[in-house]
Amino acid sequence: MLYALFSLGLVAAAGAAYTAAIGWLWFRQERLLFEPTPLAPDLPLVAEADVHERWIEVPGARLSTAHLRLPQPRGVVFFLHGNSGNLRDCLADLDAFRQANFDVVMLDYRGFGKSSGCIASEEQLRADVRAVWAAFAPMYQGKRVVISGQSLGTALAAGLAAELCAAGQGPDLTLLVSPYSSMRALGEELYPWVPRQVLRYPLHTAEHAARLSGPLMLIHGDKDELIGIHHSHALRTAAPAAQLLCVEGAGHSDLHKFPSFRAALHGALGCL
């Protein structure tokens, strides 16, 4: 009898702990998904004279953006970064874009870098991306447009590109680097014990990719241990016309260091 009661107590305690963990994930999953590095508001992002900072006001926050602005650009790359760091990490090497004569627009999400506020939902995150693009898009009417994302930003980039396609203003290229088919699918791989209904950020990259009417290019390292290359293969299943470049030997965070990645980026921009 005592053993049975003890066993029931253990089961009840385990159930309570599991329920508490699931509750914490529901309300605080932003801490798990996003790893921002804040910056002081008066700290310059870069020293290059052709990179300009601009604030974009959105409901409840002020977003920090960086704009590589060339004299006579052929077009613009609107780039959405991953789930950690800030714009200073992304702005370390812009020479490939300068050589291709493309401007670049980047933003820090809420709480990242010098941006204020906190990310509270996927729709808020997507609305912020739309707002920043809307602020810069008029400058590039009649020019080439590339919507690009890396890691976390790939779902946001695919979603924006799909919306632009639906409005008859699709980009000339959608470029996804180290993409995932959906955050829900990735979460099931990394945290199989968590019910899928708990995830408030499903971020369905594949669903948006399937709605694209223009070119889609995927670049993925075959040694990526965070987001396996099978996610890019899933995206190709959703969007069969997509071009996939597998970078041999590249992982998740070092992809940009490989010559084949730089060559692919330069070639894709040069062909537009």
Protein backbone atom coordinates (compact mmCIF):
# COMPACT_ATOMS: atom_id res chain seq x y z
CA MET A 1 0.00 0.00 0.00
CA LEU A 2 2.74 2.44 0.95
CA TYR A 3 4.65 1.61 -2.25
CA ALA A 4 1.55 2.22 -4.34
CA LEU A 5 0.91 5.54 -2.64
CA PHE A 6 4.57 6.51 -3.11
CA SER A 7 4.37 5.62 -6.81
CA LEU A 8 1.20 7.63 -7.24
CA GLY A 9 2.88 10.54 -5.52
CA LEU A 10 5.83 10.38 -7.91
CA VAL A 11 3.51 10.26 -10.91
CA ALA A 12 1.54 13.23 -9.58
CA ALA A 13 4.73 15.20 -8.90
CA ALA A 14 6.08 14.43 -12.38
CA GLY A 15 2.76 15.44 -13.92
CA ALA A 16 2.73 18.70 -11.99
CA ALA A 17 6.32 19.46 -13.03
CA TYR A 18 5.52 18.70 -16.66
CA THR A 19 2.42 20.89 -16.55
CA ALA A 20 4.42 23.71 -14.98
CA ALA A 21 7.10 23.40 -17.67
CA ILE A 22 4.50 23.50 -20.44
CA GLY A 23 2.88 26.54 -18.81
CA TRP A 24 6.23 28.31 -18.64
CA LEU A 25 6.86 27.58 -22.32
CA TRP A 26 3.46 28.93 -23.30
CA PHE A 27 3.90 32.24 -21.56
CA ARG A 28 7.68 32.72 -21.81
CA GLN A 29 8.68 30.98 -25.02
CA GLU A 30 10.11 34.23 -26.38
CA ARG A 31 13.05 33.60 -24.06
CA LEU A 32 13.63 30.27 -25.78
CA LEU A 33 13.18 31.49 -29.35
CA PHE A 34 14.91 34.88 -29.27
CA GLU A 35 18.38 35.70 -27.99
CA PRO A 36 18.84 39.43 -28.56
CA THR A 37 21.97 41.40 -27.76
CA PRO A 38 20.92 44.97 -26.85
CA LEU A 39 22.99 48.03 -27.78
CA ALA A 40 23.12 51.51 -26.32
CA PRO A 41 20.94 53.88 -28.39
CA ASP A 42 23.84 56.27 -29.03
CA LEU A 43 26.30 53.56 -30.16
CA PRO A 44 27.06 53.75 -33.93
CA LEU A 45 26.32 50.50 -35.74
CA VAL A 46 29.23 50.78 -38.19
CA ALA A 47 31.87 53.26 -39.28
CA GLU A 48 31.32 52.96 -43.06
CA ALA A 49 30.09 56.22 -44.57
CA ASP A 50 27.71 54.50 -47.01
CA VAL A 51 25.76 52.76 -44.23
CA HIS A 52 23.03 54.95 -42.76
CA GLU A 53 20.94 54.41 -39.64
CA ARG A 54 17.22 55.12 -39.56
CA TRP A 55 14.50 54.70 -36.96
CA ILE A 56 11.13 53.26 -37.95
CA GLU A 57 8.21 53.90 -35.61
CA VAL A 58 5.80 50.99 -35.10
CA PRO A 59 3.00 50.59 -32.54
CA GLY A 60 4.63 50.35 -29.13
CA ALA A 61 8.24 50.36 -30.33
CA ARG A 62 10.98 52.08 -32.30
CA LEU A 63 12.95 49.87 -34.67
CA SER A 64 16.61 50.33 -35.55
CA THR A 65 17.45 49.87 -39.23
CA ALA A 66 20.63 50.02 -41.28
CA HIS A 67 20.73 51.04 -44.93
CA LEU A 68 23.69 50.44 -47.22
CA ARG A 69 23.09 53.18 -49.78
CA LEU A 70 25.14 53.21 -52.99
CA PRO A 71 25.23 56.05 -55.58
CA GLN A 72 23.45 54.23 -58.44
CA PRO A 73 22.26 50.84 -57.14
CA ARG A 74 20.73 48.20 -59.40
CA GLY A 75 18.39 47.23 -56.61
CA VAL A 76 18.06 46.36 -52.94
CA VAL A 77 18.36 43.32 -50.68
CA PHE A 78 15.92 43.44 -47.76
CA PHE A 79 17.58 41.15 -45.23
CA LEU A 80 16.05 39.60 -42.11
CA HIS A 81 18.56 38.14 -39.66
CA GLY A 82 18.42 35.21 -37.27
CA ASN A 83 17.27 34.84 -33.68
CA SER A 84 20.37 36.14 -31.91
CA GLY A 85 22.78 39.08 -31.83
CA ASN A 86 21.98 42.36 -33.55
CA LEU A 87 22.67 44.39 -36.68
CA ARG A 88 26.35 44.88 -35.88
CA ASP A 89 26.89 41.16 -36.48
CA CYS A 90 25.16 41.35 -39.88
CA LEU A 91 26.95 44.49 -41.02
CA ALA A 92 30.45 43.07 -40.62
CA ASP A 93 30.84 42.25 -44.33
CA LEU A 94 28.86 44.13 -46.97
CA ASP A 95 31.46 43.99 -49.76
CA ALA A 96 29.61 41.29 -51.71
CA PHE A 97 26.61 43.61 -52.00
CA ARG A 98 28.76 46.59 -52.92
CA GLN A 99 30.45 44.57 -55.66
CA ALA A 100 27.07 43.53 -57.04
CA ASN A 101 25.90 47.17 -56.80
CA PHE A 102 22.97 46.37 -54.51
CA ASP A 103 21.78 48.41 -51.57
CA VAL A 104 20.92 46.53 -48.38
CA VAL A 105 18.21 47.23 -45.80
CA MET A 106 18.30 45.42 -42.45
CA LEU A 107 16.37 45.79 -39.22
CA ASP A 108 16.72 44.72 -35.63
CA TYR A 109 13.58 43.11 -34.22
CA ARG A 110 12.07 44.45 -31.00
CA GLY A 111 14.55 44.13 -28.14
CA PHE A 112 17.48 43.45 -30.50
CA GLY A 113 20.30 45.98 -30.80
CA LYS A 114 18.95 49.49 -30.38
CA SER A 115 15.33 48.57 -31.12
CA SER A 116 12.92 49.13 -28.22
CA GLY A 117 10.02 46.99 -27.07
CA CYS A 118 9.61 43.23 -26.82
CA ILE A 119 8.44 40.59 -29.29
CA ALA A 120 4.99 39.42 -28.19
CA SER A 121 3.56 37.43 -31.12
CA GLU A 122 4.28 36.18 -34.61
CA GLU A 123 1.76 38.60 -36.12
CA GLN A 124 3.45 41.53 -34.36
CA LEU A 125 6.81 40.36 -35.69
CA ARG A 126 5.47 40.08 -39.23
CA ALA A 127 3.73 43.47 -38.96
CA ASP A 128 7.05 45.07 -37.96
CA VAL A 129 8.73 43.53 -41.01
CA ARG A 130 5.96 44.87 -43.27
CA ALA A 131 6.27 48.33 -41.75
CA VAL A 132 10.01 48.53 -42.32
CA TRP A 133 9.74 47.30 -45.90
CA ALA A 134 6.93 49.79 -46.58
CA ALA A 135 9.17 52.61 -45.36
CA PHE A 136 11.97 51.76 -47.81
CA ALA A 137 10.12 50.23 -50.78
CA PRO A 138 9.24 53.56 -52.49
CA MET A 139 12.94 54.25 -52.97
CA TYR A 140 13.29 51.17 -55.19
CA GLN A 141 10.41 51.38 -57.60
CA GLY A 142 11.62 50.15 -60.98
CA LYS A 143 14.71 48.51 -59.48
CA ARG A 144 15.53 44.91 -58.60
CA VAL A 145 14.24 43.66 -55.25
CA VAL A 146 15.56 40.69 -53.28
CA ILE A 147 13.79 39.56 -50.11
CA SER A 148 16.23 37.55 -48.04
CA GLY A 149 16.32 35.89 -44.65
CA GLN A 150 18.68 33.76 -42.64
CA SER A 151 17.70 31.13 -40.05
CA LEU A 152 14.80 32.62 -38.03
CA GLY A 153 14.40 35.34 -40.67
CA THR A 154 13.68 32.86 -43.47
CA ALA A 155 10.04 32.38 -42.45
CA LEU A 156 9.61 36.15 -42.18
CA ALA A 157 11.22 36.69 -45.58
CA ALA A 158 9.13 33.99 -47.26
CA GLY A 159 5.97 35.42 -45.70
CA LEU A 160 6.69 38.97 -46.87
CA ALA A 161 7.65 37.76 -50.36
CA ALA A 162 4.42 35.75 -50.61
CA GLU A 163 2.37 38.80 -49.59
CA LEU A 164 4.12 40.92 -52.21
CA CYS A 165 3.47 38.26 -54.85
CA ALA A 166 -0.22 38.20 -53.94
CA ALA A 167 -0.32 41.98 -54.40
CA GLY A 168 1.35 41.75 -57.80
CA GLN A 169 4.58 43.25 -56.46
CA GLY A 170 6.61 40.08 -56.04
CA PRO A 171 10.38 40.32 -55.57
CA ASP A 172 12.80 39.44 -58.34
CA LEU A 173 14.33 36.85 -56.01
CA THR A 174 13.57 35.34 -52.62
CA LEU A 175 16.78 34.11 -50.99
CA LEU A 176 16.60 31.89 -47.92
CA VAL A 177 19.81 30.95 -46.09
CA SER A 178 19.74 28.04 -43.61
CA PRO A 179 15.94 27.90 -43.71
CA TYR A 180 13.52 25.72 -41.76
CA SER A 181 10.29 24.32 -43.15
CA SER A 182 8.42 25.63 -40.10
CA MET A 183 9.27 26.48 -36.52
CA ARG A 184 6.72 23.87 -35.48
CA ALA A 185 8.60 21.15 -37.39
CA LEU A 186 11.93 22.32 -36.00
CA GLY A 187 10.50 22.44 -32.49
CA GLU A 188 9.28 18.86 -32.77
CA GLU A 189 12.84 17.81 -33.63
CA LEU A 190 14.55 19.77 -30.86
CA TYR A 191 11.89 19.43 -28.15
CA PRO A 192 9.85 16.28 -28.92
CA TRP A 193 8.34 16.28 -25.42
CA VAL A 194 6.55 19.59 -26.01
CA PRO A 195 3.04 19.40 -27.51
CA ARG A 196 2.93 21.22 -30.84
CA GLN A 197 -0.11 23.23 -29.70
CA VAL A 198 2.09 25.02 -27.15
CA LEU A 199 4.17 26.77 -29.81
CA ARG A 200 2.80 30.28 -30.42
CA TYR A 201 5.25 30.91 -33.27
CA PRO A 202 4.56 28.23 -35.91
CA LEU A 203 6.38 30.31 -38.60
CA HIS A 204 5.36 28.24 -41.63
CA THR A 205 8.15 28.87 -44.15
CA ALA A 206 7.08 26.08 -46.51
CA GLU A 207 3.48 27.28 -46.74
CA HIS A 208 4.65 30.74 -47.78
CA ALA A 209 7.29 29.37 -50.17
CA ALA A 210 4.58 27.42 -51.98
CA ARG A 211 2.79 30.71 -52.72
CA LEU A 212 5.75 32.43 -54.35
CA SER A 213 5.39 33.26 -58.03
CA GLY A 214 9.01 34.31 -58.59
CA PRO A 215 12.45 32.68 -58.24
CA LEU A 216 13.37 31.09 -54.93
CA MET A 217 16.94 30.23 -53.97
CA LEU A 218 17.89 28.15 -50.93
CA ILE A 219 21.40 27.94 -49.49
CA HIS A 220 22.18 25.41 -46.78
CA GLY A 221 25.28 23.90 -45.18
CA ASP A 222 25.37 20.12 -45.23
CA LYS A 223 26.88 20.09 -41.70
CA ASP A 224 24.20 22.30 -40.17
CA GLU A 225 23.40 20.65 -36.83
CA LEU A 226 20.81 23.23 -35.72
CA ILE A 227 18.60 23.29 -38.81
CA GLY A 228 19.33 20.19 -40.87
CA ILE A 229 19.47 20.44 -44.64
CA HIS A 230 16.40 18.20 -44.82
CA HIS A 231 14.43 21.37 -44.08
CA SER A 232 15.60 22.83 -47.38
CA HIS A 233 14.62 19.61 -49.11
CA ALA A 234 11.15 19.97 -47.56
CA LEU A 235 10.97 23.49 -48.94
CA ARG A 236 11.83 22.18 -52.39
CA THR A 237 8.98 19.74 -52.07
CA ALA A 238 6.66 22.65 -51.31
CA ALA A 239 8.21 24.82 -54.06
CA PRO A 240 9.65 22.41 -56.70
CA ALA A 241 11.06 25.22 -58.85
CA ALA A 242 13.34 26.38 -56.03
CA GLN A 243 17.08 26.22 -56.57
CA LEU A 244 19.05 24.61 -53.73
CA LEU A 245 22.77 25.13 -53.15
CA CYS A 246 24.30 22.70 -50.70
CA VAL A 247 27.51 24.16 -49.24
CA GLU A 248 29.77 21.24 -48.37
CA GLY A 249 31.37 21.40 -44.96
CA ALA A 250 29.36 24.43 -43.80
CA GLY A 251 27.45 24.50 -40.54
CA HIS A 252 24.81 26.91 -39.33
CA SER A 253 26.86 29.90 -38.22
CA ASP A 254 29.84 29.77 -40.59
CA LEU A 255 28.04 29.46 -43.93
CA HIS A 256 28.96 33.00 -45.01
CA LYS A 257 32.68 32.20 -44.72
CA PHE A 258 32.67 29.62 -47.54
CA PRO A 259 33.74 30.77 -51.04
CA SER A 260 30.91 28.80 -52.67
CA PHE A 261 28.37 30.77 -50.62
CA ARG A 262 29.90 34.09 -51.66
CA ALA A 263 30.07 32.97 -55.28
CA ALA A 264 26.42 31.91 -55.22
CA LEU A 265 25.34 35.22 -53.68
CA HIS A 266 27.34 37.26 -56.18
CA GLY A 267 26.06 35.13 -59.08
CA ALA A 268 22.42 35.37 -58.00
CA LEU A 269 22.57 39.16 -57.67
CA GLY A 270 24.55 39.54 -60.88
CA CYS A 271 21.94 37.63 -62.89
CA LEU A 272 19.06 39.88 -61.85
